[in-house]
Amino acid sequence: MQEKLRILKLKKARLWSDIESLAEVNDSMFLTFGKTEAEIMKLEKYIIRDTINPLDENN
């Protein structure tokens, strides 16, 4: 899971670099960037929920 998160963050950084370097950016690049960010947020939320007090019987 951590490896997938790392890969997504690298993808996001690469996309942002591409967006910054282009004079004109098409909508699909922003869409891909947004989807990648959403995947990162979803995975981070899952990791946090999974690691919050795993010994607590109420979780």
N, C-alpha and C. Protein backbone atom coordinates (compact mmCIF):
# COMPACT_ATOMS: atom_id res chain seq x y z
N MET A 1 0.82 -1.19 0.00
CA MET A 1 0.00 0.00 0.00
C MET A 1 0.87 1.26 0.00
N GLN A 2 1.92 1.25 0.79
CA GLN A 2 2.84 2.39 0.83
C GLN A 2 3.53 2.57 -0.52
N GLU A 3 3.84 1.46 -1.17
CA GLU A 3 4.48 1.51 -2.49
C GLU A 3 3.54 2.14 -3.52
N LYS A 4 2.27 1.76 -3.47
CA LYS A 4 1.28 2.33 -4.39
C LYS A 4 1.16 3.84 -4.16
N LEU A 5 1.17 4.25 -2.90
CA LEU A 5 1.09 5.67 -2.57
C LEU A 5 2.30 6.41 -3.11
N ARG A 6 3.47 5.83 -2.97
CA ARG A 6 4.69 6.44 -3.48
C ARG A 6 4.63 6.61 -5.00
N ILE A 7 4.15 5.58 -5.69
CA ILE A 7 4.03 5.62 -7.15
C ILE A 7 3.03 6.71 -7.57
N LEU A 8 1.91 6.81 -6.87
CA LEU A 8 0.92 7.84 -7.19
C LEU A 8 1.47 9.24 -6.98
N LYS A 9 2.24 9.43 -5.92
CA LYS A 9 2.82 10.74 -5.66
C LYS A 9 3.85 11.11 -6.72
N LEU A 10 4.61 10.13 -7.18
CA LEU A 10 5.55 10.38 -8.27
C LEU A 10 4.81 10.74 -9.56
N LYS A 11 3.71 10.03 -9.82
CA LYS A 11 2.90 10.32 -11.00
C LYS A 11 2.35 11.74 -10.93
N LYS A 12 1.88 12.13 -9.76
CA LYS A 12 1.34 13.47 -9.57
C LYS A 12 2.42 14.53 -9.80
N ALA A 13 3.60 14.29 -9.27
CA ALA A 13 4.71 15.24 -9.45
C ALA A 13 5.09 15.36 -10.92
N ARG A 14 5.12 14.24 -11.61
CA ARG A 14 5.45 14.25 -13.03
C ARG A 14 4.40 15.01 -13.84
N LEU A 15 3.13 14.76 -13.52
CA LEU A 15 2.05 15.47 -14.20
C LEU A 15 2.13 16.97 -13.95
N TRP A 16 2.39 17.36 -12.71
CA TRP A 16 2.47 18.77 -12.39
C TRP A 16 3.64 19.43 -13.12
N SER A 17 4.75 18.71 -13.19
CA SER A 17 5.90 19.23 -13.92
C SER A 17 5.56 19.45 -15.39
N ASP A 18 4.84 18.50 -15.97
CA ASP A 18 4.40 18.63 -17.37
C ASP A 18 3.46 19.83 -17.54
N ILE A 19 2.54 19.98 -16.60
CA ILE A 19 1.58 21.09 -16.67
C ILE A 19 2.32 22.44 -16.60
N GLU A 20 3.28 22.53 -15.70
CA GLU A 20 4.03 23.79 -15.55
C GLU A 20 4.88 24.11 -16.77
N SER A 21 5.39 23.08 -17.43
CA SER A 21 6.32 23.32 -18.54
C SER A 21 5.62 23.64 -19.86
N LEU A 22 4.36 23.30 -19.98
CA LEU A 22 3.65 23.52 -21.23
C LEU A 22 3.07 24.93 -21.30
N ALA A 23 3.10 25.50 -22.47
CA ALA A 23 2.51 26.82 -22.68
C ALA A 23 0.98 26.73 -22.67
N GLU A 24 0.47 25.61 -23.18
CA GLU A 24 -0.97 25.39 -23.21
C GLU A 24 -1.25 23.97 -22.73
N VAL A 25 -2.17 23.85 -21.81
CA VAL A 25 -2.48 22.54 -21.22
C VAL A 25 -3.92 22.18 -21.55
N ASN A 26 -4.11 20.96 -22.05
CA ASN A 26 -5.47 20.55 -22.37
C ASN A 26 -6.18 20.05 -21.11
N ASP A 27 -7.48 20.00 -21.17
CA ASP A 27 -8.30 19.63 -20.02
C ASP A 27 -8.02 18.21 -19.53
N SER A 28 -7.65 17.32 -20.42
CA SER A 28 -7.42 15.94 -20.00
C SER A 28 -6.25 15.82 -19.04
N MET A 29 -5.25 16.69 -19.17
CA MET A 29 -4.12 16.66 -18.23
C MET A 29 -4.58 17.07 -16.83
N PHE A 30 -5.42 18.10 -16.76
CA PHE A 30 -5.94 18.52 -15.46
C PHE A 30 -6.86 17.45 -14.88
N LEU A 31 -7.61 16.79 -15.73
CA LEU A 31 -8.48 15.70 -15.29
C LEU A 31 -7.66 14.56 -14.71
N THR A 32 -6.60 14.18 -15.40
CA THR A 32 -5.71 13.11 -14.94
C THR A 32 -5.05 13.51 -13.62
N PHE A 33 -4.62 14.77 -13.53
CA PHE A 33 -4.00 15.27 -12.30
C PHE A 33 -4.99 15.19 -11.14
N GLY A 34 -6.22 15.61 -11.37
CA GLY A 34 -7.25 15.57 -10.32
C GLY A 34 -7.58 14.16 -9.89
N LYS A 35 -7.67 13.25 -10.84
CA LYS A 35 -7.95 11.85 -10.51
C LYS A 35 -6.82 11.25 -9.69
N THR A 36 -5.60 11.59 -10.05
CA THR A 36 -4.44 11.09 -9.31
C THR A 36 -4.45 11.62 -7.89
N GLU A 37 -4.75 12.90 -7.73
CA GLU A 37 -4.84 13.49 -6.39
C GLU A 37 -5.94 12.82 -5.57
N ALA A 38 -7.06 12.54 -6.18
CA ALA A 38 -8.16 11.87 -5.48
C ALA A 38 -7.75 10.46 -5.05
N GLU A 39 -7.04 9.75 -5.90
CA GLU A 39 -6.55 8.41 -5.54
C GLU A 39 -5.60 8.49 -4.35
N ILE A 40 -4.72 9.49 -4.36
CA ILE A 40 -3.77 9.68 -3.26
C ILE A 40 -4.52 9.94 -1.96
N MET A 41 -5.49 10.84 -2.00
CA MET A 41 -6.25 11.17 -0.80
C MET A 41 -7.01 9.96 -0.27
N LYS A 42 -7.60 9.19 -1.17
CA LYS A 42 -8.35 8.00 -0.78
C LYS A 42 -7.43 6.97 -0.12
N LEU A 43 -6.27 6.76 -0.70
CA LEU A 43 -5.32 5.79 -0.17
C LEU A 43 -4.76 6.26 1.17
N GLU A 44 -4.45 7.55 1.30
CA GLU A 44 -3.96 8.08 2.57
C GLU A 44 -5.02 7.92 3.66
N LYS A 45 -6.26 8.18 3.33
CA LYS A 45 -7.35 8.03 4.29
C LYS A 45 -7.46 6.57 4.74
N TYR A 46 -7.34 5.64 3.80
CA TYR A 46 -7.41 4.22 4.11
C TYR A 46 -6.24 3.81 5.02
N ILE A 47 -5.05 4.31 4.71
CA ILE A 47 -3.87 3.98 5.52
C ILE A 47 -4.04 4.51 6.93
N ILE A 48 -4.54 5.74 7.07
CA ILE A 48 -4.74 6.33 8.40
C ILE A 48 -5.76 5.53 9.19
N ARG A 49 -6.87 5.18 8.55
CA ARG A 49 -7.89 4.39 9.25
C ARG A 49 -7.35 3.04 9.68
N ASP A 50 -6.50 2.47 8.84
CA ASP A 50 -5.94 1.14 9.11
C ASP A 50 -4.93 1.18 10.25
N THR A 51 -4.27 2.33 10.45
CA THR A 51 -3.22 2.41 11.47
C THR A 51 -3.68 3.05 12.77
N ILE A 52 -4.87 3.64 12.80
CA ILE A 52 -5.36 4.25 14.04
C ILE A 52 -5.69 3.16 15.05
N ASN A 53 -4.92 3.14 16.10
CA ASN A 53 -5.13 2.26 17.23
C ASN A 53 -5.69 0.88 16.83
N PRO A 54 -4.89 0.05 16.19
CA PRO A 54 -5.37 -1.26 15.73
C PRO A 54 -5.78 -2.20 16.89
N LEU A 55 -5.37 -1.88 18.12
CA LEU A 55 -5.72 -2.72 19.26
C LEU A 55 -7.06 -2.35 19.87
N ASP A 56 -7.63 -1.24 19.45
CA ASP A 56 -8.92 -0.80 19.97
C ASP A 56 -10.01 -1.72 19.42
N GLU A 57 -10.75 -2.36 20.31
CA GLU A 57 -11.78 -3.32 19.91
C GLU A 57 -12.99 -2.64 19.27
N ASN A 58 -13.15 -1.34 19.48
CA ASN A 58 -14.28 -0.62 18.93
C ASN A 58 -14.10 -0.25 17.46
N ASN A 59 -12.90 -0.41 16.88
CA ASN A 59 -12.64 -0.08 15.48
C ASN A 59 -13.03 -1.20 14.59
